[in-house]
All heavy atoms as atom14 arrays in JSON, in Angstrom:
{
  "sequence": "PGFRVVFQDADIVVVDKPAGVAAHPSVGWDGPTVGGALLALGIPIATS",
  "atom14_mask": [
    [1, 1, 1, 1, 1, 1, 1, 0, 0, 0, 0, 0, 0, 0],
    [1, 1, 1, 1, 0, 0, 0, 0, 0, 0, 0, 0, 0, 0],
    [1, 1, 1, 1, 1, 1, 1, 1, 1, 1, 1, 0, 0, 0],
    [1, 1, 1, 1, 1, 1, 1, 1, 1, 1, 1, 0, 0, 0],
    [1, 1, 1, 1, 1, 1, 1, 0, 0, 0, 0, 0, 0, 0],
    [1, 1, 1, 1, 1, 1, 1, 0, 0, 0, 0, 0, 0, 0],
    [1, 1, 1, 1, 1, 1, 1, 1, 1, 1, 1, 0, 0, 0],
    [1, 1, 1, 1, 1, 1, 1, 1, 1, 0, 0, 0, 0, 0],
    [1, 1, 1, 1, 1, 1, 1, 1, 0, 0, 0, 0, 0, 0],
    [1, 1, 1, 1, 1, 0, 0, 0, 0, 0, 0, 0, 0, 0],
    [1, 1, 1, 1, 1, 1, 1, 1, 0, 0, 0, 0, 0, 0],
    [1, 1, 1, 1, 1, 1, 1, 1, 0, 0, 0, 0, 0, 0],
    [1, 1, 1, 1, 1, 1, 1, 0, 0, 0, 0, 0, 0, 0],
    [1, 1, 1, 1, 1, 1, 1, 0, 0, 0, 0, 0, 0, 0],
    [1, 1, 1, 1, 1, 1, 1, 0, 0, 0, 0, 0, 0, 0],
    [1, 1, 1, 1, 1, 1, 1, 1, 0, 0, 0, 0, 0, 0],
    [1, 1, 1, 1, 1, 1, 1, 1, 1, 0, 0, 0, 0, 0],
    [1, 1, 1, 1, 1, 1, 1, 0, 0, 0, 0, 0, 0, 0],
    [1, 1, 1, 1, 1, 0, 0, 0, 0, 0, 0, 0, 0, 0],
    [1, 1, 1, 1, 0, 0, 0, 0, 0, 0, 0, 0, 0, 0],
    [1, 1, 1, 1, 1, 1, 1, 0, 0, 0, 0, 0, 0, 0],
    [1, 1, 1, 1, 1, 0, 0, 0, 0, 0, 0, 0, 0, 0],
    [1, 1, 1, 1, 1, 0, 0, 0, 0, 0, 0, 0, 0, 0],
    [1, 1, 1, 1, 1, 1, 1, 1, 1, 1, 0, 0, 0, 0],
    [1, 1, 1, 1, 1, 1, 1, 0, 0, 0, 0, 0, 0, 0],
    [1, 1, 1, 1, 1, 1, 0, 0, 0, 0, 0, 0, 0, 0],
    [1, 1, 1, 1, 1, 1, 1, 0, 0, 0, 0, 0, 0, 0],
    [1, 1, 1, 1, 0, 0, 0, 0, 0, 0, 0, 0, 0, 0],
    [1, 1, 1, 1, 1, 1, 1, 1, 1, 1, 1, 1, 1, 1],
    [1, 1, 1, 1, 1, 1, 1, 1, 0, 0, 0, 0, 0, 0],
    [1, 1, 1, 1, 0, 0, 0, 0, 0, 0, 0, 0, 0, 0],
    [1, 1, 1, 1, 1, 1, 1, 0, 0, 0, 0, 0, 0, 0],
    [1, 1, 1, 1, 1, 1, 1, 0, 0, 0, 0, 0, 0, 0],
    [1, 1, 1, 1, 1, 1, 1, 0, 0, 0, 0, 0, 0, 0],
    [1, 1, 1, 1, 0, 0, 0, 0, 0, 0, 0, 0, 0, 0],
    [1, 1, 1, 1, 0, 0, 0, 0, 0, 0, 0, 0, 0, 0],
    [1, 1, 1, 1, 1, 0, 0, 0, 0, 0, 0, 0, 0, 0],
    [1, 1, 1, 1, 1, 1, 1, 1, 0, 0, 0, 0, 0, 0],
    [1, 1, 1, 1, 1, 1, 1, 1, 0, 0, 0, 0, 0, 0],
    [1, 1, 1, 1, 1, 0, 0, 0, 0, 0, 0, 0, 0, 0],
    [1, 1, 1, 1, 1, 1, 1, 1, 0, 0, 0, 0, 0, 0],
    [1, 1, 1, 1, 0, 0, 0, 0, 0, 0, 0, 0, 0, 0],
    [1, 1, 1, 1, 1, 1, 1, 1, 0, 0, 0, 0, 0, 0],
    [1, 1, 1, 1, 1, 1, 1, 0, 0, 0, 0, 0, 0, 0],
    [1, 1, 1, 1, 1, 1, 1, 1, 0, 0, 0, 0, 0, 0],
    [1, 1, 1, 1, 1, 0, 0, 0, 0, 0, 0, 0, 0, 0],
    [1, 1, 1, 1, 1, 1, 1, 0, 0, 0, 0, 0, 0, 0],
    [1, 1, 1, 1, 1, 1, 0, 0, 0, 0, 0, 0, 0, 0]
  ],
  "atom14_positions": [
    [[108.42, 102.37, 139.7], [107.08, 102.99, 139.45], [105.98, 101.88, 139.52], [106.17, 100.82, 138.97], [107.12, 103.51, 138.0], [108.64, 103.72, 137.79], [109.31, 102.66, 138.5], [0.0, 0.0, 0.0], [0.0, 0.0, 0.0], [0.0, 0.0, 0.0], [0.0, 0.0, 0.0], [0.0, 0.0, 0.0], [0.0, 0.0, 0.0], [0.0, 0.0, 0.0]],
    [[104.87, 102.24, 140.21], [103.78, 101.34, 140.31], [103.94, 100.32, 141.37], [102.97, 99.55, 141.73], [0.0, 0.0, 0.0], [0.0, 0.0, 0.0], [0.0, 0.0, 0.0], [0.0, 0.0, 0.0], [0.0, 0.0, 0.0], [0.0, 0.0, 0.0], [0.0, 0.0, 0.0], [0.0, 0.0, 0.0], [0.0, 0.0, 0.0], [0.0, 0.0, 0.0]],
    [[105.05, 100.24, 142.04], [105.28, 99.26, 143.18], [104.63, 99.85, 144.39], [104.82, 101.02, 144.73], [106.74, 99.06, 143.46], [107.07, 98.05, 144.51], [107.24, 96.73, 144.17], [107.22, 98.45, 145.85], [107.51, 95.79, 145.11], [107.48, 97.5, 146.79], [107.62, 96.12, 146.45], [0.0, 0.0, 0.0], [0.0, 0.0, 0.0], [0.0, 0.0, 0.0]],
    [[103.75, 99.07, 145.11], [102.98, 99.58, 146.18], [103.0, 98.68, 147.35], [102.86, 97.47, 147.28], [101.54, 99.77, 145.69], [100.61, 100.46, 146.71], [99.27, 100.82, 145.99], [98.54, 99.64, 145.61], [97.57, 99.07, 146.33], [97.29, 99.64, 147.54], [96.93, 98.05, 145.99], [0.0, 0.0, 0.0], [0.0, 0.0, 0.0], [0.0, 0.0, 0.0]],
    [[103.22, 99.25, 148.56], [103.08, 98.47, 149.79], [101.73, 98.6, 150.29], [101.12, 99.56, 150.54], [104.02, 99.02, 150.91], [103.77, 98.34, 152.19], [105.46, 98.89, 150.49], [0.0, 0.0, 0.0], [0.0, 0.0, 0.0], [0.0, 0.0, 0.0], [0.0, 0.0, 0.0], [0.0, 0.0, 0.0], [0.0, 0.0, 0.0], [0.0, 0.0, 0.0]],
    [[101.04, 97.39, 150.3], [99.6, 97.29, 150.69], [99.46, 97.31, 152.16], [98.56, 97.85, 152.72], [98.95, 96.02, 150.07], [97.5, 95.87, 150.51], [99.06, 96.1, 148.52], [0.0, 0.0, 0.0], [0.0, 0.0, 0.0], [0.0, 0.0, 0.0], [0.0, 0.0, 0.0], [0.0, 0.0, 0.0], [0.0, 0.0, 0.0], [0.0, 0.0, 0.0]],
    [[100.32, 96.49, 152.9], [100.23, 96.37, 154.35], [101.61, 96.04, 154.89], [102.42, 95.32, 154.22], [99.25, 95.31, 154.7], [99.21, 94.95, 156.14], [98.46, 95.72, 157.03], [99.95, 93.85, 156.66], [98.48, 95.36, 158.43], [99.99, 93.53, 157.95], [99.16, 94.32, 158.87], [0.0, 0.0, 0.0], [0.0, 0.0, 0.0], [0.0, 0.0, 0.0]],
    [[101.95, 96.46, 156.07], [103.11, 95.98, 156.76], [102.98, 96.15, 158.25], [102.31, 97.02, 158.72], [104.41, 96.7, 156.25], [104.46, 98.14, 156.64], [105.92, 98.67, 156.49], [106.88, 97.99, 156.83], [106.06, 99.89, 155.97], [0.0, 0.0, 0.0], [0.0, 0.0, 0.0], [0.0, 0.0, 0.0], [0.0, 0.0, 0.0], [0.0, 0.0, 0.0]],
    [[103.6, 95.26, 158.99], [103.72, 95.41, 160.47], [105.15, 94.85, 160.79], [106.0, 94.75, 159.9], [102.61, 94.7, 161.21], [102.54, 93.2, 160.91], [103.45, 92.63, 160.4], [101.51, 92.57, 161.26], [0.0, 0.0, 0.0], [0.0, 0.0, 0.0], [0.0, 0.0, 0.0], [0.0, 0.0, 0.0], [0.0, 0.0, 0.0], [0.0, 0.0, 0.0]],
    [[105.35, 94.45, 161.98], [106.69, 94.01, 162.48], [107.03, 92.67, 161.8], [108.24, 92.29, 161.76], [106.78, 93.94, 163.95], [0.0, 0.0, 0.0], [0.0, 0.0, 0.0], [0.0, 0.0, 0.0], [0.0, 0.0, 0.0], [0.0, 0.0, 0.0], [0.0, 0.0, 0.0], [0.0, 0.0, 0.0], [0.0, 0.0, 0.0], [0.0, 0.0, 0.0]],
    [[106.03, 91.88, 161.37], [106.31, 90.47, 160.89], [106.22, 90.27, 159.41], [106.88, 89.45, 158.85], [105.31, 89.54, 161.63], [105.46, 89.58, 163.09], [106.55, 89.11, 163.54], [104.53, 89.96, 163.85], [0.0, 0.0, 0.0], [0.0, 0.0, 0.0], [0.0, 0.0, 0.0], [0.0, 0.0, 0.0], [0.0, 0.0, 0.0], [0.0, 0.0, 0.0]],
    [[105.33, 90.99, 158.72], [105.09, 90.77, 157.31], [104.95, 92.12, 156.52], [104.69, 93.12, 157.11], [103.8, 89.98, 157.09], [102.57, 90.76, 157.52], [103.9, 88.59, 157.72], [101.22, 90.08, 157.21], [0.0, 0.0, 0.0], [0.0, 0.0, 0.0], [0.0, 0.0, 0.0], [0.0, 0.0, 0.0], [0.0, 0.0, 0.0], [0.0, 0.0, 0.0]],
    [[105.16, 91.98, 155.26], [104.86, 93.12, 154.39], [104.2, 92.49, 153.13], [104.65, 91.5, 152.53], [106.11, 93.92, 153.96], [107.23, 93.05, 153.35], [105.78, 95.03, 153.01], [0.0, 0.0, 0.0], [0.0, 0.0, 0.0], [0.0, 0.0, 0.0], [0.0, 0.0, 0.0], [0.0, 0.0, 0.0], [0.0, 0.0, 0.0], [0.0, 0.0, 0.0]],
    [[103.06, 93.07, 152.72], [102.36, 92.67, 151.51], [102.47, 93.76, 150.49], [102.27, 94.92, 150.76], [100.85, 92.44, 151.8], [100.07, 92.03, 150.56], [100.7, 91.34, 152.88], [0.0, 0.0, 0.0], [0.0, 0.0, 0.0], [0.0, 0.0, 0.0], [0.0, 0.0, 0.0], [0.0, 0.0, 0.0], [0.0, 0.0, 0.0], [0.0, 0.0, 0.0]],
    [[102.91, 93.37, 149.28], [103.17, 94.33, 148.21], [102.26, 93.99, 147.03], [101.85, 92.88, 146.83], [104.65, 94.36, 147.82], [105.54, 94.68, 149.02], [105.07, 93.04, 147.11], [0.0, 0.0, 0.0], [0.0, 0.0, 0.0], [0.0, 0.0, 0.0], [0.0, 0.0, 0.0], [0.0, 0.0, 0.0], [0.0, 0.0, 0.0], [0.0, 0.0, 0.0]],
    [[102.09, 95.07, 146.2], [101.43, 94.87, 144.9], [102.57, 95.09, 143.9], [102.95, 96.28, 143.64], [100.31, 95.98, 144.75], [99.27, 95.53, 143.72], [99.62, 94.7, 142.8], [98.13, 96.08, 143.71], [0.0, 0.0, 0.0], [0.0, 0.0, 0.0], [0.0, 0.0, 0.0], [0.0, 0.0, 0.0], [0.0, 0.0, 0.0], [0.0, 0.0, 0.0]],
    [[102.93, 94.05, 143.15], [104.07, 94.07, 142.4], [103.7, 94.34, 140.88], [102.81, 93.57, 140.36], [104.79, 92.67, 142.41], [106.05, 92.61, 141.6], [106.67, 91.22, 141.61], [106.0, 90.25, 140.56], [106.42, 90.61, 139.21], [0.0, 0.0, 0.0], [0.0, 0.0, 0.0], [0.0, 0.0, 0.0], [0.0, 0.0, 0.0], [0.0, 0.0, 0.0]],
    [[104.3, 95.32, 140.19], [104.12, 95.46, 138.8], [104.82, 94.39, 138.02], [105.73, 93.73, 138.54], [104.77, 96.87, 138.5], [105.21, 97.35, 139.74], [105.28, 96.27, 140.71], [0.0, 0.0, 0.0], [0.0, 0.0, 0.0], [0.0, 0.0, 0.0], [0.0, 0.0, 0.0], [0.0, 0.0, 0.0], [0.0, 0.0, 0.0], [0.0, 0.0, 0.0]],
    [[104.44, 94.14, 136.76], [105.18, 93.26, 135.91], [106.51, 93.85, 135.62], [106.67, 95.11, 135.71], [104.4, 93.05, 134.55], [0.0, 0.0, 0.0], [0.0, 0.0, 0.0], [0.0, 0.0, 0.0], [0.0, 0.0, 0.0], [0.0, 0.0, 0.0], [0.0, 0.0, 0.0], [0.0, 0.0, 0.0], [0.0, 0.0, 0.0], [0.0, 0.0, 0.0]],
    [[107.53, 93.03, 135.33], [108.88, 93.57, 135.02], [109.75, 93.65, 136.28], [110.83, 94.11, 136.28], [0.0, 0.0, 0.0], [0.0, 0.0, 0.0], [0.0, 0.0, 0.0], [0.0, 0.0, 0.0], [0.0, 0.0, 0.0], [0.0, 0.0, 0.0], [0.0, 0.0, 0.0], [0.0, 0.0, 0.0], [0.0, 0.0, 0.0], [0.0, 0.0, 0.0]],
    [[109.22, 93.13, 137.46], [109.93, 93.17, 138.7], [110.09, 91.64, 139.16], [109.13, 90.99, 139.23], [109.23, 93.92, 139.81], [110.03, 93.9, 141.07], [108.97, 95.38, 139.38], [0.0, 0.0, 0.0], [0.0, 0.0, 0.0], [0.0, 0.0, 0.0], [0.0, 0.0, 0.0], [0.0, 0.0, 0.0], [0.0, 0.0, 0.0], [0.0, 0.0, 0.0]],
    [[111.34, 91.25, 139.39], [111.61, 89.89, 139.79], [111.43, 89.72, 141.34], [111.57, 90.71, 142.06], [113.05, 89.49, 139.46], [0.0, 0.0, 0.0], [0.0, 0.0, 0.0], [0.0, 0.0, 0.0], [0.0, 0.0, 0.0], [0.0, 0.0, 0.0], [0.0, 0.0, 0.0], [0.0, 0.0, 0.0], [0.0, 0.0, 0.0], [0.0, 0.0, 0.0]],
    [[111.05, 88.54, 141.74], [110.86, 88.34, 143.18], [112.17, 88.48, 143.94], [112.2, 89.03, 145.07], [110.34, 86.95, 143.42], [0.0, 0.0, 0.0], [0.0, 0.0, 0.0], [0.0, 0.0, 0.0], [0.0, 0.0, 0.0], [0.0, 0.0, 0.0], [0.0, 0.0, 0.0], [0.0, 0.0, 0.0], [0.0, 0.0, 0.0], [0.0, 0.0, 0.0]],
    [[113.3, 88.02, 143.31], [114.56, 88.18, 143.94], [115.68, 88.19, 142.92], [115.4, 87.79, 141.7], [114.84, 87.05, 144.98], [114.68, 85.67, 144.34], [115.63, 85.12, 143.52], [113.71, 84.75, 144.42], [115.24, 83.9, 143.07], [114.1, 83.67, 143.67], [0.0, 0.0, 0.0], [0.0, 0.0, 0.0], [0.0, 0.0, 0.0], [0.0, 0.0, 0.0]],
    [[116.88, 88.57, 143.14], [117.99, 88.65, 142.16], [118.3, 87.22, 141.69], [118.14, 86.23, 142.45], [119.15, 89.21, 142.93], [118.58, 89.93, 144.11], [117.3, 89.13, 144.46], [0.0, 0.0, 0.0], [0.0, 0.0, 0.0], [0.0, 0.0, 0.0], [0.0, 0.0, 0.0], [0.0, 0.0, 0.0], [0.0, 0.0, 0.0], [0.0, 0.0, 0.0]],
    [[118.79, 87.15, 140.45], [119.21, 85.9, 139.89], [120.3, 86.2, 138.81], [120.43, 87.33, 138.38], [118.09, 85.1, 139.29], [117.44, 85.81, 138.27], [0.0, 0.0, 0.0], [0.0, 0.0, 0.0], [0.0, 0.0, 0.0], [0.0, 0.0, 0.0], [0.0, 0.0, 0.0], [0.0, 0.0, 0.0], [0.0, 0.0, 0.0], [0.0, 0.0, 0.0]],
    [[121.03, 85.19, 138.41], [122.09, 85.36, 137.48], [121.55, 85.88, 136.14], [120.57, 85.33, 135.59], [122.79, 84.01, 137.14], [123.82, 84.13, 136.06], [123.45, 83.52, 138.4], [0.0, 0.0, 0.0], [0.0, 0.0, 0.0], [0.0, 0.0, 0.0], [0.0, 0.0, 0.0], [0.0, 0.0, 0.0], [0.0, 0.0, 0.0], [0.0, 0.0, 0.0]],
    [[122.12, 87.0, 135.66], [121.66, 87.56, 134.38], [120.62, 88.58, 134.4], [120.33, 89.29, 133.47], [0.0, 0.0, 0.0], [0.0, 0.0, 0.0], [0.0, 0.0, 0.0], [0.0, 0.0, 0.0], [0.0, 0.0, 0.0], [0.0, 0.0, 0.0], [0.0, 0.0, 0.0], [0.0, 0.0, 0.0], [0.0, 0.0, 0.0], [0.0, 0.0, 0.0]],
    [[119.94, 88.68, 135.64], [118.79, 89.65, 135.75], [119.37, 90.97, 136.22], [119.98, 91.07, 137.3], [117.81, 89.1, 136.76], [116.69, 90.15, 137.06], [116.46, 90.88, 138.15], [115.62, 90.47, 136.14], [115.38, 91.65, 138.04], [114.82, 91.49, 136.82], [115.2, 90.11, 134.84], [113.69, 92.05, 136.27], [114.09, 90.63, 134.28], [113.31, 91.59, 135.03]],
    [[119.16, 92.04, 135.38], [119.68, 93.37, 135.77], [118.51, 94.3, 136.05], [118.7, 95.51, 136.26], [120.54, 93.93, 134.68], [119.79, 94.31, 133.39], [118.65, 93.88, 133.25], [120.35, 95.05, 132.54], [0.0, 0.0, 0.0], [0.0, 0.0, 0.0], [0.0, 0.0, 0.0], [0.0, 0.0, 0.0], [0.0, 0.0, 0.0], [0.0, 0.0, 0.0]],
    [[117.28, 93.79, 136.1], [116.14, 94.63, 136.35], [115.84, 94.74, 137.89], [116.58, 94.26, 138.72], [0.0, 0.0, 0.0], [0.0, 0.0, 0.0], [0.0, 0.0, 0.0], [0.0, 0.0, 0.0], [0.0, 0.0, 0.0], [0.0, 0.0, 0.0], [0.0, 0.0, 0.0], [0.0, 0.0, 0.0], [0.0, 0.0, 0.0], [0.0, 0.0, 0.0]],
    [[114.73, 95.42, 138.23], [114.42, 95.63, 139.64], [113.94, 94.29, 140.29], [113.44, 93.38, 139.64], [113.29, 96.62, 139.58], [112.67, 96.46, 138.24], [113.77, 96.06, 137.3], [0.0, 0.0, 0.0], [0.0, 0.0, 0.0], [0.0, 0.0, 0.0], [0.0, 0.0, 0.0], [0.0, 0.0, 0.0], [0.0, 0.0, 0.0], [0.0, 0.0, 0.0]],
    [[114.01, 94.32, 141.65], [113.57, 93.2, 142.43], [112.62, 93.76, 143.56], [112.62, 94.86, 143.87], [114.71, 92.38, 143.04], [115.41, 93.24, 143.98], [115.65, 91.91, 142.02], [0.0, 0.0, 0.0], [0.0, 0.0, 0.0], [0.0, 0.0, 0.0], [0.0, 0.0, 0.0], [0.0, 0.0, 0.0], [0.0, 0.0, 0.0], [0.0, 0.0, 0.0]],
    [[111.84, 92.78, 144.1], [110.95, 93.16, 145.2], [111.74, 93.67, 146.36], [111.44, 94.71, 147.02], [110.02, 91.98, 145.57], [109.21, 92.27, 146.84], [109.04, 91.65, 144.43], [0.0, 0.0, 0.0], [0.0, 0.0, 0.0], [0.0, 0.0, 0.0], [0.0, 0.0, 0.0], [0.0, 0.0, 0.0], [0.0, 0.0, 0.0], [0.0, 0.0, 0.0]],
    [[112.81, 92.91, 146.71], [113.65, 93.41, 147.81], [114.27, 94.68, 147.62], [114.34, 95.54, 148.5], [0.0, 0.0, 0.0], [0.0, 0.0, 0.0], [0.0, 0.0, 0.0], [0.0, 0.0, 0.0], [0.0, 0.0, 0.0], [0.0, 0.0, 0.0], [0.0, 0.0, 0.0], [0.0, 0.0, 0.0], [0.0, 0.0, 0.0], [0.0, 0.0, 0.0]],
    [[114.75, 94.92, 146.45], [115.34, 96.2, 146.11], [114.38, 97.41, 146.17], [114.69, 98.47, 146.63], [0.0, 0.0, 0.0], [0.0, 0.0, 0.0], [0.0, 0.0, 0.0], [0.0, 0.0, 0.0], [0.0, 0.0, 0.0], [0.0, 0.0, 0.0], [0.0, 0.0, 0.0], [0.0, 0.0, 0.0], [0.0, 0.0, 0.0], [0.0, 0.0, 0.0]],
    [[113.12, 97.12, 145.72], [112.07, 98.15, 145.71], [111.71, 98.47, 147.21], [111.5, 99.65, 147.54], [110.83, 97.66, 145.01], [0.0, 0.0, 0.0], [0.0, 0.0, 0.0], [0.0, 0.0, 0.0], [0.0, 0.0, 0.0], [0.0, 0.0, 0.0], [0.0, 0.0, 0.0], [0.0, 0.0, 0.0], [0.0, 0.0, 0.0], [0.0, 0.0, 0.0]],
    [[111.73, 97.42, 148.06], [111.44, 97.68, 149.49], [112.58, 98.44, 150.14], [112.27, 99.35, 150.93], [111.23, 96.31, 150.17], [109.87, 95.63, 149.88], [109.83, 94.2, 150.54], [108.67, 96.45, 150.39], [0.0, 0.0, 0.0], [0.0, 0.0, 0.0], [0.0, 0.0, 0.0], [0.0, 0.0, 0.0], [0.0, 0.0, 0.0], [0.0, 0.0, 0.0]],
    [[113.81, 98.07, 149.81], [114.95, 98.83, 150.39], [114.87, 100.31, 150.0], [115.17, 101.15, 150.86], [116.27, 98.24, 149.95], [116.72, 96.93, 150.63], [117.98, 96.43, 150.01], [116.84, 97.1, 152.14], [0.0, 0.0, 0.0], [0.0, 0.0, 0.0], [0.0, 0.0, 0.0], [0.0, 0.0, 0.0], [0.0, 0.0, 0.0], [0.0, 0.0, 0.0]],
    [[114.48, 100.58, 148.83], [114.39, 101.96, 148.32], [113.31, 102.77, 149.16], [113.4, 104.01, 149.24], [114.1, 102.01, 146.84], [0.0, 0.0, 0.0], [0.0, 0.0, 0.0], [0.0, 0.0, 0.0], [0.0, 0.0, 0.0], [0.0, 0.0, 0.0], [0.0, 0.0, 0.0], [0.0, 0.0, 0.0], [0.0, 0.0, 0.0], [0.0, 0.0, 0.0]],
    [[112.38, 101.96, 149.68], [111.28, 102.64, 150.42], [111.63, 102.68, 151.95], [110.82, 103.01, 152.74], [109.95, 101.89, 150.24], [109.39, 101.96, 148.82], [108.15, 101.02, 148.67], [108.94, 103.37, 148.45], [0.0, 0.0, 0.0], [0.0, 0.0, 0.0], [0.0, 0.0, 0.0], [0.0, 0.0, 0.0], [0.0, 0.0, 0.0], [0.0, 0.0, 0.0]],
    [[112.78, 102.17, 152.27], [113.23, 102.19, 153.62], [112.67, 101.01, 154.44], [112.54, 101.12, 155.66], [0.0, 0.0, 0.0], [0.0, 0.0, 0.0], [0.0, 0.0, 0.0], [0.0, 0.0, 0.0], [0.0, 0.0, 0.0], [0.0, 0.0, 0.0], [0.0, 0.0, 0.0], [0.0, 0.0, 0.0], [0.0, 0.0, 0.0], [0.0, 0.0, 0.0]],
    [[112.28, 99.89, 153.73], [111.78, 98.76, 154.41], [112.72, 97.56, 154.26], [112.55, 96.84, 153.25], [110.39, 98.39, 153.85], [109.44, 99.64, 153.91], [109.73, 97.21, 154.54], [108.15, 99.39, 153.22], [0.0, 0.0, 0.0], [0.0, 0.0, 0.0], [0.0, 0.0, 0.0], [0.0, 0.0, 0.0], [0.0, 0.0, 0.0], [0.0, 0.0, 0.0]],
    [[113.66, 97.32, 155.18], [114.59, 96.21, 155.06], [113.93, 94.9, 155.42], [112.96, 94.88, 156.25], [115.7, 96.52, 156.03], [115.01, 97.4, 157.07], [113.88, 98.14, 156.36], [0.0, 0.0, 0.0], [0.0, 0.0, 0.0], [0.0, 0.0, 0.0], [0.0, 0.0, 0.0], [0.0, 0.0, 0.0], [0.0, 0.0, 0.0], [0.0, 0.0, 0.0]],
    [[114.29, 93.88, 154.8], [113.85, 92.52, 155.05], [114.97, 91.78, 155.75], [116.03, 91.58, 155.08], [113.39, 91.72, 153.86], [112.28, 92.54, 153.12], [112.91, 90.35, 154.16], [110.99, 92.65, 153.99], [0.0, 0.0, 0.0], [0.0, 0.0, 0.0], [0.0, 0.0, 0.0], [0.0, 0.0, 0.0], [0.0, 0.0, 0.0], [0.0, 0.0, 0.0]],
    [[114.84, 91.35, 156.95], [115.91, 90.71, 157.69], [115.48, 89.31, 158.23], [114.93, 89.26, 159.31], [116.4, 91.6, 158.84], [0.0, 0.0, 0.0], [0.0, 0.0, 0.0], [0.0, 0.0, 0.0], [0.0, 0.0, 0.0], [0.0, 0.0, 0.0], [0.0, 0.0, 0.0], [0.0, 0.0, 0.0], [0.0, 0.0, 0.0], [0.0, 0.0, 0.0]],
    [[115.74, 88.33, 157.39], [115.47, 86.99, 157.89], [116.59, 86.12, 157.52], [117.47, 86.53, 156.71], [114.14, 86.39, 157.25], [114.34, 86.39, 155.86], [112.96, 87.18, 157.64], [0.0, 0.0, 0.0], [0.0, 0.0, 0.0], [0.0, 0.0, 0.0], [0.0, 0.0, 0.0], [0.0, 0.0, 0.0], [0.0, 0.0, 0.0], [0.0, 0.0, 0.0]],
    [[116.7, 84.92, 157.99], [117.88, 83.99, 157.73], [117.8, 83.53, 156.27], [116.79, 83.71, 155.57], [117.78, 82.78, 158.68], [116.59, 82.13, 158.51], [0.0, 0.0, 0.0], [0.0, 0.0, 0.0], [0.0, 0.0, 0.0], [0.0, 0.0, 0.0], [0.0, 0.0, 0.0], [0.0, 0.0, 0.0], [0.0, 0.0, 0.0], [0.0, 0.0, 0.0]]
  ]
}
């Protein structure tokens, strides 16, 4: 809730992140992440 995609094209995606969302997964974190929120919206991130 409250997670918003501000802009996206083939190269970048800009998001408006609510508090309580981690930038990426880490040990011990069981809450939402930016990547997970994007996947739920059908926006995969594929980089090395």
